[in-house]
Each structure stands twice: as C-alpha cells, then as structure tokens.
Amino acid sequence: MKRIAIGRKNWLFIGNVRAGIRNAKLMSLVSSAHRHDLDEHAYLEDVIRPMNAGTSSPEKLLPNIWKQSHGELIPTYRAEGRQDKAQQAHVRAVTRRTL
C-alpha cells in the first residue's frame, strides 16, 4: 500500500493511457517479485530481455517458477526480517500476558 500511496502524485503525470498501462504491468512484475522474496532488479533484468525477444514462454518467467531455477539470486534478509519481526511480536505478547 505504501508504494501506491507514494505513486499517486507521480501517476498524475504519466503521459498517456499506453504509458499508464505499461507502468501498471511493470509495477505488477515488481510487486510479484517482491512478494516472492526475489531481488527485483535481477528478476527484471533476467525476465525483460527474453520477453522482448519473444524467446521464452511467459509461464517460465513467472516469479514462483523463476525462483526455483535461480535460487542463488534470492536475498535472505527479507525472510530473516520477517522472522525477527514475528519473534519480537511473540515476546511482546508474552510480556503483556505476564503483566
């Protein structure tokens, strides 16, 4: 939601309808990569070239399938951050219960 809120003002000056559609597709790709804990830059770099050349089927370029074949490009800090956040929430809940 933060990305959408930040982008609202920028999208007022997108140019034309085709540019807006292109921007929406690109943001969908980036959001999907982010949800699958991928390095967005590496994912886009590896996916856009075959898409433009028409050499690969779109199904092979989906984030969940791409993730399986490019395991070395998956950053671990996001998963670690989620684990830390969950652990902190658990500690707060236990502390509240004991008070």
PDB file of N, CA and C in Angstrom:
ATOM      1  N   MET A   1       0.814  -1.193   0.000  1.00  0.00           N
ATOM      2  CA  MET A   1       0.000   0.000   0.000  1.00  0.00           C
ATOM      3  C   MET A   1       0.862   1.263   0.000  1.00  0.00           C
ATOM      4  N   LYS A   2       2.030   1.178   0.625  1.00  0.00           N
ATOM      5  CA  LYS A   2       2.894   2.350   0.682  1.00  0.00           C
ATOM      6  C   LYS A   2       3.329   2.770  -0.712  1.00  0.00           C
ATOM      7  N   ARG A   3       3.639   1.799  -1.559  1.00  0.00           N
ATOM      8  CA  ARG A   3       4.069   2.126  -2.926  1.00  0.00           C
ATOM      9  C   ARG A   3       2.963   2.828  -3.696  1.00  0.00           C
ATOM     10  N   ILE A   4       1.741   2.395  -3.489  1.00  0.00           N
ATOM     11  CA  ILE A   4       0.616   3.011  -4.184  1.00  0.00           C
ATOM     12  C   ILE A   4       0.421   4.436  -3.692  1.00  0.00           C
ATOM     13  N   ALA A   5       0.493   4.636  -2.382  1.00  0.00           N
ATOM     14  CA  ALA A   5       0.306   5.976  -1.826  1.00  0.00           C
ATOM     15  C   ALA A   5       1.398   6.932  -2.311  1.00  0.00           C
ATOM     16  N   ILE A   6       2.618   6.460  -2.371  1.00  0.00           N
ATOM     17  CA  ILE A   6       3.722   7.307  -2.834  1.00  0.00           C
ATOM     18  C   ILE A   6       3.574   7.613  -4.322  1.00  0.00           C
ATOM     19  N   GLY A   7       3.085   6.664  -5.086  1.00  0.00           N
ATOM     20  CA  GLY A   7       2.998   6.842  -6.524  1.00  0.00           C
ATOM     21  C   GLY A   7       1.845   7.687  -7.009  1.00  0.00           C
ATOM     22  N   ARG A   8       0.827   7.888  -6.189  1.00  0.00           N
ATOM     23  CA  ARG A   8      -0.366   8.603  -6.664  1.00  0.00           C
ATOM     24  C   ARG A   8      -0.043   9.936  -7.335  1.00  0.00           C
ATOM     25  N   LYS A   9       0.754  10.734  -6.685  1.00  0.00           N
ATOM     26  CA  LYS A   9       1.074  12.045  -7.233  1.00  0.00           C
ATOM     27  C   LYS A   9       1.912  11.914  -8.498  1.00  0.00           C
ATOM     28  N   ASN A  10       2.805  10.951  -8.536  1.00  0.00           N
ATOM     29  CA  ASN A  10       3.641  10.753  -9.720  1.00  0.00           C
ATOM     30  C   ASN A  10       2.804  10.289 -10.908  1.00  0.00           C
ATOM     31  N   TRP A  11       1.767   9.505 -10.655  1.00  0.00           N
ATOM     32  CA  TRP A  11       0.962   8.956 -11.746  1.00  0.00           C
ATOM     33  C   TRP A  11       0.071   9.997 -12.409  1.00  0.00           C
ATOM     34  N   LEU A  12      -0.086  11.158 -11.795  1.00  0.00           N
ATOM     35  CA  LEU A  12      -0.869  12.213 -12.426  1.00  0.00           C
ATOM     36  C   LEU A  12      -0.230  12.655 -13.741  1.00  0.00           C
ATOM     37  N   PHE A  13       1.075  12.491 -13.836  1.00  0.00           N
ATOM     38  CA  PHE A  13       1.814  12.995 -14.988  1.00  0.00           C
ATOM     39  C   PHE A  13       2.426  11.856 -15.796  1.00  0.00           C
ATOM     40  N   ILE A  14       1.717  10.767 -15.905  1.00  0.00           N
ATOM     41  CA  ILE A  14       2.228   9.565 -16.568  1.00  0.00           C
ATOM     42  C   ILE A  14       2.365   9.770 -18.079  1.00  0.00           C
ATOM     43  N   GLY A  15       1.604  10.657 -18.654  1.00  0.00           N
ATOM     44  CA  GLY A  15       1.731  10.938 -20.084  1.00  0.00           C
ATOM     45  C   GLY A  15       0.477  10.606 -20.853  1.00  0.00           C
ATOM     46  N   ASN A  16       0.260   9.329 -21.128  1.00  0.00           N
ATOM     47  CA  ASN A  16      -0.927   8.914 -21.863  1.00  0.00           C
ATOM     48  C   ASN A  16      -1.396   7.550 -21.368  1.00  0.00           C
ATOM     49  N   VAL A  17      -2.455   7.049 -21.956  1.00  0.00           N
ATOM     50  CA  VAL A  17      -3.054   5.796 -21.499  1.00  0.00           C
ATOM     51  C   VAL A  17      -2.099   4.623 -21.696  1.00  0.00           C
ATOM     52  N   ARG A  18      -1.419   4.562 -22.825  1.00  0.00           N
ATOM     53  CA  ARG A  18      -0.499   3.447 -23.083  1.00  0.00           C
ATOM     54  C   ARG A  18       0.643   3.425 -22.068  1.00  0.00           C
ATOM     55  N   ALA A  19       1.141   4.612 -21.703  1.00  0.00           N
ATOM     56  CA  ALA A  19       2.206   4.684 -20.702  1.00  0.00           C
ATOM     57  C   ALA A  19       1.693   4.212 -19.348  1.00  0.00           C
ATOM     58  N   GLY A  20       0.452   4.540 -19.025  1.00  0.00           N
ATOM     59  CA  GLY A  20      -0.138   4.083 -17.770  1.00  0.00           C
ATOM     60  C   GLY A  20      -0.279   2.576 -17.728  1.00  0.00           C
ATOM     61  N   ILE A  21      -0.688   1.971 -18.827  1.00  0.00           N
ATOM     62  CA  ILE A  21      -0.825   0.512 -18.905  1.00  0.00           C
ATOM     63  C   ILE A  21       0.540  -0.153 -18.765  1.00  0.00           C
ATOM     64  N   ARG A  22       1.539   0.405 -19.446  1.00  0.00           N
ATOM     65  CA  ARG A  22       2.897  -0.125 -19.354  1.00  0.00           C
ATOM     66  C   ARG A  22       3.419  -0.040 -17.920  1.00  0.00           C
ATOM     67  N   ASN A  23       3.163   1.096 -17.283  1.00  0.00           N
ATOM     68  CA  ASN A  23       3.606   1.288 -15.907  1.00  0.00           C
ATOM     69  C   ASN A  23       2.909   0.298 -14.969  1.00  0.00           C
ATOM     70  N   ALA A  24       1.630   0.062 -15.174  1.00  0.00           N
ATOM     71  CA  ALA A  24       0.888  -0.883 -14.335  1.00  0.00           C
ATOM     72  C   ALA A  24       1.436  -2.304 -14.493  1.00  0.00           C
ATOM     73  N   LYS A  25       1.774  -2.687 -15.711  1.00  0.00           N
ATOM     74  CA  LYS A  25       2.350  -4.022 -15.935  1.00  0.00           C
ATOM     75  C   LYS A  25       3.708  -4.154 -15.256  1.00  0.00           C
ATOM     76  N   LEU A  26       4.530  -3.134 -15.369  1.00  0.00           N
ATOM     77  CA  LEU A  26       5.844  -3.165 -14.744  1.00  0.00           C
ATOM     78  C   LEU A  26       5.717  -3.224 -13.223  1.00  0.00           C
ATOM     79  N   MET A  27       4.801  -2.453 -12.664  1.00  0.00           N
ATOM     80  CA  MET A  27       4.607  -2.480 -11.218  1.00  0.00           C
ATOM     81  C   MET A  27       4.071  -3.824 -10.759  1.00  0.00           C
ATOM     82  N   SER A  28       3.254  -4.476 -11.573  1.00  0.00           N
ATOM     83  CA  SER A  28       2.779  -5.817 -11.227  1.00  0.00           C
ATOM     84  C   SER A  28       3.936  -6.805 -11.175  1.00  0.00           C
ATOM     85  N   LEU A  29       4.833  -6.720 -12.143  1.00  0.00           N
ATOM     86  CA  LEU A  29       6.013  -7.586 -12.142  1.00  0.00           C
ATOM     87  C   LEU A  29       6.875  -7.355 -10.907  1.00  0.00           C
ATOM     88  N   VAL A  30       7.111  -6.107 -10.579  1.00  0.00           N
ATOM     89  CA  VAL A  30       7.944  -5.780  -9.424  1.00  0.00           C
ATOM     90  C   VAL A  30       7.271  -6.241  -8.132  1.00  0.00           C
ATOM     91  N   SER A  31       5.966  -6.027  -8.011  1.00  0.00           N
ATOM     92  CA  SER A  31       5.248  -6.449  -6.808  1.00  0.00           C
ATOM     93  C   SER A  31       5.249  -7.963  -6.663  1.00  0.00           C
ATOM     94  N   SER A  32       5.082  -8.669  -7.761  1.00  0.00           N
ATOM     95  CA  SER A  32       5.123 -10.133  -7.710  1.00  0.00           C
ATOM     96  C   SER A  32       6.501 -10.621  -7.282  1.00  0.00           C
ATOM     97  N   ALA A  33       7.531 -10.001  -7.812  1.00  0.00           N
ATOM     98  CA  ALA A  33       8.894 -10.384  -7.428  1.00  0.00           C
ATOM     99  C   ALA A  33       9.127 -10.108  -5.944  1.00  0.00           C
ATOM    100  N   HIS A  34       8.638  -8.989  -5.467  1.00  0.00           N
ATOM    101  CA  HIS A  34       8.802  -8.644  -4.059  1.00  0.00           C
ATOM    102  C   HIS A  34       8.061  -9.630  -3.160  1.00  0.00           C
ATOM    103  N   ARG A  35       6.850 -10.013  -3.541  1.00  0.00           N
ATOM    104  CA  ARG A  35       6.068 -10.982  -2.752  1.00  0.00           C
ATOM    105  C   ARG A  35       6.748 -12.336  -2.680  1.00  0.00           C
ATOM    106  N   HIS A  36       7.518 -12.687  -3.697  1.00  0.00           N
ATOM    107  CA  HIS A  36       8.218 -13.975  -3.717  1.00  0.00           C
ATOM    108  C   HIS A  36       9.641 -13.865  -3.179  1.00  0.00           C
ATOM    109  N   ASP A  37       9.962 -12.740  -2.527  1.00  0.00           N
ATOM    110  CA  ASP A  37      11.271 -12.501  -1.922  1.00  0.00           C
ATOM    111  C   ASP A  37      12.413 -12.568  -2.926  1.00  0.00           C
ATOM    112  N   LEU A  38      12.197 -12.052  -4.120  1.00  0.00           N
ATOM    113  CA  LEU A  38      13.252 -12.036  -5.134  1.00  0.00           C
ATOM    114  C   LEU A  38      13.949 -10.689  -5.135  1.00  0.00           C
ATOM    115  N   ASP A  39      15.148 -10.672  -5.658  1.00  0.00           N
ATOM    116  CA  ASP A  39      15.838  -9.417  -5.923  1.00  0.00           C
ATOM    117  C   ASP A  39      15.174  -8.838  -7.166  1.00  0.00           C
ATOM    118  N   GLU A  40      14.430  -7.756  -6.999  1.00  0.00           N
ATOM    119  CA  GLU A  40      13.619  -7.216  -8.100  1.00  0.00           C
ATOM    120  C   GLU A  40      14.456  -6.854  -9.314  1.00  0.00           C
ATOM    121  N   HIS A  41      15.618  -6.251  -9.080  1.00  0.00           N
ATOM    122  CA  HIS A  41      16.467  -5.834 -10.193  1.00  0.00           C
ATOM    123  C   HIS A  41      16.944  -7.040 -11.001  1.00  0.00           C
ATOM    124  N   ALA A  42      17.436  -8.057 -10.307  1.00  0.00           N
ATOM    125  CA  ALA A  42      17.928  -9.249 -11.002  1.00  0.00           C
ATOM    126  C   ALA A  42      16.795  -9.951 -11.745  1.00  0.00           C
ATOM    127  N   TYR A  43      15.632 -10.008 -11.114  1.00  0.00           N
ATOM    128  CA  TYR A  43      14.477 -10.656 -11.749  1.00  0.00           C
ATOM    129  C   TYR A  43      14.072  -9.918 -13.025  1.00  0.00           C
ATOM    130  N   LEU A  44      13.915  -8.605 -12.925  1.00  0.00           N
ATOM    131  CA  LEU A  44      13.503  -7.837 -14.111  1.00  0.00           C
ATOM    132  C   LEU A  44      14.548  -7.912 -15.218  1.00  0.00           C
ATOM    133  N   GLU A  45      15.798  -7.835 -14.839  1.00  0.00           N
ATOM    134  CA  GLU A  45      16.862  -7.902 -15.840  1.00  0.00           C
ATOM    135  C   GLU A  45      16.836  -9.238 -16.582  1.00  0.00           C
ATOM    136  N   ASP A  46      16.579 -10.310 -15.849  1.00  0.00           N
ATOM    137  CA  ASP A  46      16.588 -11.637 -16.449  1.00  0.00           C
ATOM    138  C   ASP A  46      15.294 -11.955 -17.200  1.00  0.00           C
ATOM    139  N   VAL A  47      14.207 -11.262 -16.876  1.00  0.00           N
ATOM    140  CA  VAL A  47      12.910 -11.576 -17.469  1.00  0.00           C
ATOM    141  C   VAL A  47      12.570 -10.691 -18.671  1.00  0.00           C
ATOM    142  N   ILE A  48      12.944  -9.428 -18.608  1.00  0.00           N
ATOM    143  CA  ILE A  48      12.523  -8.492 -19.667  1.00  0.00           C
ATOM    144  C   ILE A  48      13.201  -8.794 -20.995  1.00  0.00           C
ATOM    145  N   ARG A  49      14.456  -9.179 -20.974  1.00  0.00           N
ATOM    146  CA  ARG A  49      15.143  -9.475 -22.245  1.00  0.00           C
ATOM    147  C   ARG A  49      14.471 -10.601 -23.026  1.00  0.00           C
ATOM    148  N   PRO A  50      14.212 -11.773 -22.408  1.00  0.00           N
ATOM    149  CA  PRO A  50      13.539 -12.832 -23.174  1.00  0.00           C
ATOM    150  C   PRO A  50      12.113 -12.455 -23.585  1.00  0.00           C
ATOM    151  N   MET A  51      11.447 -11.655 -22.761  1.00  0.00           N
ATOM    152  CA  MET A  51      10.091 -11.232 -23.124  1.00  0.00           C
ATOM    153  C   MET A  51      10.116 -10.354 -24.373  1.00  0.00           C
ATOM    154  N   ASN A  52      11.049  -9.412 -24.408  1.00  0.00           N
ATOM    155  CA  ASN A  52      11.161  -8.527 -25.572  1.00  0.00           C
ATOM    156  C   ASN A  52      11.584  -9.278 -26.823  1.00  0.00           C
ATOM    157  N   ALA A  53      12.446 -10.261 -26.653  1.00  0.00           N
ATOM    158  CA  ALA A  53      12.921 -11.034 -27.801  1.00  0.00           C
ATOM    159  C   ALA A  53      11.898 -12.085 -28.234  1.00  0.00           C
ATOM    160  N   GLY A  54      10.979 -12.405 -27.347  1.00  0.00           N
ATOM    161  CA  GLY A  54       9.975 -13.417 -27.673  1.00  0.00           C
ATOM    162  C   GLY A  54      10.539 -14.822 -27.678  1.00  0.00           C
ATOM    163  N   THR A  55      11.638 -15.039 -26.950  1.00  0.00           N
ATOM    164  CA  THR A  55      12.294 -16.347 -26.984  1.00  0.00           C
ATOM    165  C   THR A  55      11.844 -17.288 -25.876  1.00  0.00           C
ATOM    166  N   SER A  56      11.082 -16.794 -24.929  1.00  0.00           N
ATOM    167  CA  SER A  56      10.685 -17.631 -23.803  1.00  0.00           C
ATOM    168  C   SER A  56       9.182 -17.550 -23.601  1.00  0.00           C
ATOM    169  N   SER A  57       8.605 -18.622 -23.094  1.00  0.00           N
ATOM    170  CA  SER A  57       7.175 -18.598 -22.808  1.00  0.00           C
ATOM    171  C   SER A  57       6.949 -17.848 -21.496  1.00  0.00           C
ATOM    172  N   PRO A  58       5.868 -17.092 -21.398  1.00  0.00           N
ATOM    173  CA  PRO A  58       5.604 -16.302 -20.187  1.00  0.00           C
ATOM    174  C   PRO A  58       5.478 -17.161 -18.925  1.00  0.00           C
ATOM    175  N   GLU A  59       5.027 -18.401 -19.068  1.00  0.00           N
ATOM    176  CA  GLU A  59       4.854 -19.256 -17.892  1.00  0.00           C
ATOM    177  C   GLU A  59       6.194 -19.537 -17.199  1.00  0.00           C
ATOM    178  N   LYS A  60       7.269 -19.626 -17.981  1.00  0.00           N
ATOM    179  CA  LYS A  60       8.587 -19.893 -17.405  1.00  0.00           C
ATOM    180  C   LYS A  60       9.148 -18.676 -16.676  1.00  0.00           C
ATOM    181  N   LEU A  61       8.595 -17.511 -16.944  1.00  0.00           N
ATOM    182  CA  LEU A  61       9.120 -16.280 -16.369  1.00  0.00           C
ATOM    183  C   LEU A  61       8.334 -15.807 -15.146  1.00  0.00           C
ATOM    184  N   LEU A  62       7.340 -16.561 -14.729  1.00  0.00           N
ATOM    185  CA  LEU A  62       6.588 -16.203 -13.528  1.00  0.00           C
ATOM    186  C   LEU A  62       7.509 -16.267 -12.314  1.00  0.00           C
ATOM    187  N   PRO A  63       7.306 -15.388 -11.333  1.00  0.00           N
ATOM    188  CA  PRO A  63       8.234 -15.325 -10.201  1.00  0.00           C
ATOM    189  C   PRO A  63       8.408 -16.640  -9.444  1.00  0.00           C
ATOM    190  N   ASN A  64       7.347 -17.392  -9.223  1.00  0.00           N
ATOM    191  CA  ASN A  64       7.478 -18.636  -8.457  1.00  0.00           C
ATOM    192  C   ASN A  64       8.283 -19.689  -9.220  1.00  0.00           C
ATOM    193  N   ILE A  65       8.176 -19.727 -10.533  1.00  0.00           N
ATOM    194  CA  ILE A  65       8.937 -20.677 -11.339  1.00  0.00           C
ATOM    195  C   ILE A  65      10.374 -20.186 -11.517  1.00  0.00           C
ATOM    196  N   TRP A  66      10.535 -18.888 -11.728  1.00  0.00           N
ATOM    197  CA  TRP A  66      11.863 -18.296 -11.874  1.00  0.00           C
ATOM    198  C   TRP A  66      12.665 -18.496 -10.592  1.00  0.00           C
ATOM    199  N   LYS A  67      12.009 -18.389  -9.455  1.00  0.00           N
ATOM    200  CA  LYS A  67      12.659 -18.537  -8.152  1.00  0.00           C
ATOM    201  C   LYS A  67      13.287 -19.921  -7.996  1.00  0.00           C
ATOM    202  N   GLN A  68      12.624 -20.948  -8.515  1.00  0.00           N
ATOM    203  CA  GLN A  68      13.128 -22.314  -8.393  1.00  0.00           C
ATOM    204  C   GLN A  68      14.420 -22.519  -9.176  1.00  0.00           C
ATOM    205  N   SER A  69      14.530 -21.868 -10.313  1.00  0.00           N
ATOM    206  CA  SER A  69      15.713 -22.068 -11.149  1.00  0.00           C
ATOM    207  C   SER A  69      16.840 -21.066 -10.870  1.00  0.00           C
ATOM    208  N   HIS A  70      16.576 -20.042 -10.064  1.00  0.00           N
ATOM    209  CA  HIS A  70      17.593 -19.020  -9.772  1.00  0.00           C
ATOM    210  C   HIS A  70      17.730 -18.836  -8.257  1.00  0.00           C
ATOM    211  N   GLY A  71      17.918 -19.914  -7.545  1.00  0.00           N
ATOM    212  CA  GLY A  71      17.990 -19.866  -6.089  1.00  0.00           C
ATOM    213  C   GLY A  71      19.109 -19.006  -5.542  1.00  0.00           C
ATOM    214  N   GLU A  72      20.187 -18.867  -6.290  1.00  0.00           N
ATOM    215  CA  GLU A  72      21.329 -18.085  -5.798  1.00  0.00           C
ATOM    216  C   GLU A  72      21.050 -16.590  -5.781  1.00  0.00           C
ATOM    217  N   LEU A  73      20.011 -16.136  -6.487  1.00  0.00           N
ATOM    218  CA  LEU A  73      19.692 -14.709  -6.557  1.00  0.00           C
ATOM    219  C   LEU A  73      18.631 -14.286  -5.549  1.00  0.00           C
ATOM    220  N   ILE A  74      18.247 -15.174  -4.658  1.00  0.00           N
ATOM    221  CA  ILE A  74      17.195 -14.859  -3.695  1.00  0.00           C
ATOM    222  C   ILE A  74      17.834 -14.314  -2.421  1.00  0.00           C
ATOM    223  N   PRO A  75      17.527 -13.058  -2.085  1.00  0.00           N
ATOM    224  CA  PRO A  75      18.106 -12.497  -0.862  1.00  0.00           C
ATOM    225  C   PRO A  75      17.467 -13.126   0.376  1.00  0.00           C
ATOM    226  N   THR A  76      18.248 -13.304   1.420  1.00  0.00           N
ATOM    227  CA  THR A  76      17.727 -13.935   2.636  1.00  0.00           C
ATOM    228  C   THR A  76      17.305 -12.915   3.680  1.00  0.00           C
ATOM    229  N   TYR A  77      17.668 -11.647   3.499  1.00  0.00           N
ATOM    230  CA  TYR A  77      17.390 -10.666   4.535  1.00  0.00           C
ATOM    231  C   TYR A  77      15.893 -10.419   4.732  1.00  0.00           C
ATOM    232  N   ARG A  78      15.078 -10.596   3.713  1.00  0.00           N
ATOM    233  CA  ARG A  78      13.637 -10.380   3.887  1.00  0.00           C
ATOM    234  C   ARG A  78      13.018 -11.456   4.771  1.00  0.00           C
ATOM    235  N   ALA A  79      13.377 -12.699   4.517  1.00  0.00           N
ATOM    236  CA  ALA A  79      12.846 -13.791   5.341  1.00  0.00           C
ATOM    237  C   ALA A  79      13.354 -13.652   6.774  1.00  0.00           C
ATOM    238  N   GLU A  80      14.611 -13.280   6.927  1.00  0.00           N
ATOM    239  CA  GLU A  80      15.161 -13.083   8.264  1.00  0.00           C
ATOM    240  C   GLU A  80      14.458 -11.926   8.972  1.00  0.00           C
ATOM    241  N   GLY A  81      14.161 -10.865   8.253  1.00  0.00           N
ATOM    242  CA  GLY A  81      13.456  -9.724   8.830  1.00  0.00           C
ATOM    243  C   GLY A  81      12.060 -10.102   9.304  1.00  0.00           C
ATOM    244  N   ARG A  82      11.365 -10.925   8.508  1.00  0.00           N
ATOM    245  CA  ARG A  82      10.037 -11.380   8.915  1.00  0.00           C
ATOM    246  C   ARG A  82      10.116 -12.247  10.167  1.00  0.00           C
ATOM    247  N   GLN A  83      11.131 -13.096  10.235  1.00  0.00           N
ATOM    248  CA  GLN A  83      11.299 -13.940  11.419  1.00  0.00           C
ATOM    249  C   GLN A  83      11.591 -13.094  12.651  1.00  0.00           C
ATOM    250  N   ASP A  84      12.448 -12.089  12.512  1.00  0.00           N
ATOM    251  CA  ASP A  84      12.750 -11.204  13.632  1.00  0.00           C
ATOM    252  C   ASP A  84      11.501 -10.467  14.102  1.00  0.00           C
ATOM    253  N   LYS A  85      10.718  -9.974  13.153  1.00  0.00           N
ATOM    254  CA  LYS A  85       9.507  -9.250  13.490  1.00  0.00           C
ATOM    255  C   LYS A  85       8.503 -10.158  14.213  1.00  0.00           C
ATOM    256  N   ALA A  86       8.374 -11.392  13.748  1.00  0.00           N
ATOM    257  CA  ALA A  86       7.467 -12.343  14.393  1.00  0.00           C
ATOM    258  C   ALA A  86       7.948 -12.671  15.799  1.00  0.00           C
ATOM    259  N   GLN A  87       9.250 -12.819  15.956  1.00  0.00           N
ATOM    260  CA  GLN A  87       9.800 -13.119  17.272  1.00  0.00           C
ATOM    261  C   GLN A  87       9.578 -11.949  18.229  1.00  0.00           C
ATOM    262  N   GLN A  88       9.752 -10.723  17.756  1.00  0.00           N
ATOM    263  CA  GLN A  88       9.518  -9.553  18.596  1.00  0.00           C
ATOM    264  C   GLN A  88       8.049  -9.458  19.001  1.00  0.00           C
ATOM    265  N   ALA A  89       7.141  -9.760  18.072  1.00  0.00           N
ATOM    266  CA  ALA A  89       5.713  -9.739  18.388  1.00  0.00           C
ATOM    267  C   ALA A  89       5.385 -10.796  19.429  1.00  0.00           C
ATOM    268  N   HIS A  90       6.005 -11.949  19.319  1.00  0.00           N
ATOM    269  CA  HIS A  90       5.783 -13.015  20.298  1.00  0.00           C
ATOM    270  C   HIS A  90       6.268 -12.583  21.681  1.00  0.00           C
ATOM    271  N   VAL A  91       7.435 -11.976  21.745  1.00  0.00           N
ATOM    272  CA  VAL A  91       7.977 -11.509  23.021  1.00  0.00           C
ATOM    273  C   VAL A  91       7.058 -10.452  23.635  1.00  0.00           C
ATOM    274  N   ARG A  92       6.552  -9.532  22.821  1.00  0.00           N
ATOM    275  CA  ARG A  92       5.634  -8.507  23.331  1.00  0.00           C
ATOM    276  C   ARG A  92       4.359  -9.140  23.865  1.00  0.00           C
ATOM    277  N   ALA A  93       3.833 -10.140  23.154  1.00  0.00           N
ATOM    278  CA  ALA A  93       2.600 -10.808  23.592  1.00  0.00           C
ATOM    279  C   ALA A  93       2.816 -11.536  24.910  1.00  0.00           C
ATOM    280  N   VAL A  94       3.944 -12.211  25.049  1.00  0.00           N
ATOM    281  CA  VAL A  94       4.240 -12.927  26.293  1.00  0.00           C
ATOM    282  C   VAL A  94       4.418 -11.945  27.429  1.00  0.00           C
ATOM    283  N   THR A  95       5.085 -10.823  27.156  1.00  0.00           N
ATOM    284  CA  THR A  95       5.288  -9.799  28.177  1.00  0.00           C
ATOM    285  C   THR A  95       3.953  -9.217  28.637  1.00  0.00           C
ATOM    286  N   ARG A  96       3.047  -8.974  27.705  1.00  0.00           N
ATOM    287  CA  ARG A  96       1.726  -8.436  28.059  1.00  0.00           C
ATOM    288  C   ARG A  96       0.946  -9.405  28.927  1.00  0.00           C
ATOM    289  N   ARG A  97       1.062 -10.683  28.624  1.00  0.00           N
ATOM    290  CA  ARG A  97       0.322 -11.697  29.379  1.00  0.00           C
ATOM    291  C   ARG A  97       0.831 -11.806  30.813  1.00  0.00           C
ATOM    292  N   THR A  98       2.110 -11.579  31.020  1.00  0.00           N
ATOM    293  CA  THR A  98       2.676 -11.728  32.365  1.00  0.00           C
ATOM    294  C   THR A  98       2.426 -10.519  33.236  1.00  0.00           C
ATOM    295  N   LEU A  99       2.100  -9.387  32.634  1.00  0.00           N
ATOM    296  CA  LEU A  99       1.860  -8.179  33.428  1.00  0.00           C
ATOM    297  C   LEU A  99       0.528  -8.180  34.041  1.00  0.00           C
TER     298      LEU A  99
END
